[in-house]
Protein backbone atom coordinates (compact mmCIF):
# COMPACT_ATOMS: atom_id res chain seq x y z
CA UNK A 1 6.57 -6.21 -12.18
CA UNK A 2 5.99 -5.38 -8.15
CA UNK A 3 9.66 -6.11 -7.31
CA UNK A 4 10.65 -3.31 -10.47
CA UNK A 5 8.59 -0.73 -8.90
CA UNK A 6 9.57 -1.17 -5.67
CA UNK A 7 13.62 -0.97 -6.53
CA UNK A 8 12.45 2.55 -8.43
CA UNK A 9 10.22 3.60 -5.55
CA UNK A 10 13.37 2.88 -3.30
CA UNK A 11 15.92 4.37 -5.83
CA UNK A 12 13.69 8.09 -5.33
CA UNK A 13 11.16 7.94 -8.29
CA UNK A 14 7.63 9.19 -7.49
CA UNK A 15 6.06 7.58 -10.67
CA UNK A 16 7.17 3.42 -9.29
CA UNK A 17 5.15 4.95 -5.71
CA UNK A 18 2.21 6.27 -7.93
CA UNK A 19 2.09 3.00 -9.84
CA UNK A 20 2.21 0.76 -6.65
CA UNK A 21 -0.45 3.66 -4.98
CA UNK A 22 -3.31 2.54 -8.62
CA UNK A 23 -2.41 -0.99 -8.55
CA UNK A 24 -3.30 -1.62 -4.82
CA UNK A 25 -5.42 0.94 -3.42
CA UNK A 26 -8.57 -0.45 -4.88
CA UNK A 27 -8.10 -3.62 -3.79
CA UNK A 28 -7.07 -2.49 -0.64
CA UNK A 29 -10.16 -0.46 -0.36
CA UNK A 30 -12.70 -2.97 -0.80
CA UNK A 31 -10.38 -5.48 1.99
CA UNK A 32 -10.96 -2.77 4.49
CA UNK A 33 -14.15 -1.77 4.12
CA UNK A 34 -15.30 -5.26 3.78
CA UNK A 35 -13.15 -6.56 7.42
CA UNK A 36 -13.84 -3.48 9.15
CA UNK A 37 -16.56 -3.77 12.00
CA UNK A 38 -20.15 -1.52 12.05
CA UNK A 39 -18.68 0.40 15.42
CA UNK A 40 -15.29 1.53 14.51
CA UNK A 41 -16.53 1.95 10.63
CA UNK A 42 -18.21 4.93 11.74
CA UNK A 43 -15.61 6.39 12.61
CA UNK A 44 -13.32 5.33 10.51
CA UNK A 45 -12.96 6.15 6.30
CA UNK A 46 -11.71 2.85 5.08
CA UNK A 47 -9.76 5.56 3.19
CA UNK A 48 -8.76 6.17 6.04
CA UNK A 49 -7.18 2.50 6.79
CA UNK A 50 -5.48 3.00 2.87
CA UNK A 51 -3.79 5.98 3.26
CA UNK A 52 -2.13 4.28 6.73
CA UNK A 53 -1.68 0.97 5.28
CA UNK A 54 0.55 2.95 2.26
CA UNK A 55 2.19 5.52 4.05
CA UNK A 56 3.03 2.93 6.64
CA UNK A 57 5.05 0.54 3.64
CA UNK A 58 6.23 3.34 1.79
CA UNK A 59 8.42 4.56 4.74
CA UNK A 60 9.60 0.55 5.14
CA UNK A 61 10.54 0.51 1.44
CA UNK A 62 11.69 3.81 1.92
CA UNK A 63 14.17 2.15 4.65
CA UNK A 64 15.01 -0.99 3.27
CA UNK A 65 12.53 -3.01 6.26
CA UNK A 66 10.06 -4.75 3.41
CA UNK A 67 11.52 -6.59 0.35
CA UNK A 68 9.09 -7.81 -2.48
CA UNK A 69 9.12 -11.23 -2.70
CA UNK A 70 10.10 -13.03 -5.69
CA UNK A 71 7.38 -14.15 -8.65
CA UNK A 72 3.41 -14.16 -7.76
CA UNK A 73 3.46 -13.77 -3.88
């Protein structure tokens, strides 16, 4: 589950971080491509956005500023 992966990331397991990335990167990339304006898309690649999202996410996970909701949320 995402909750167990989060706990493993917080415990310092790189494989858990890799799994979270694999689980969500393609979806985030597609979302970024759909939601980015043409003006911004000329300067920023969807991969740049995905990288920024994950950098922020993992920083917050590692400082206990993010908790995964229980269930399917």
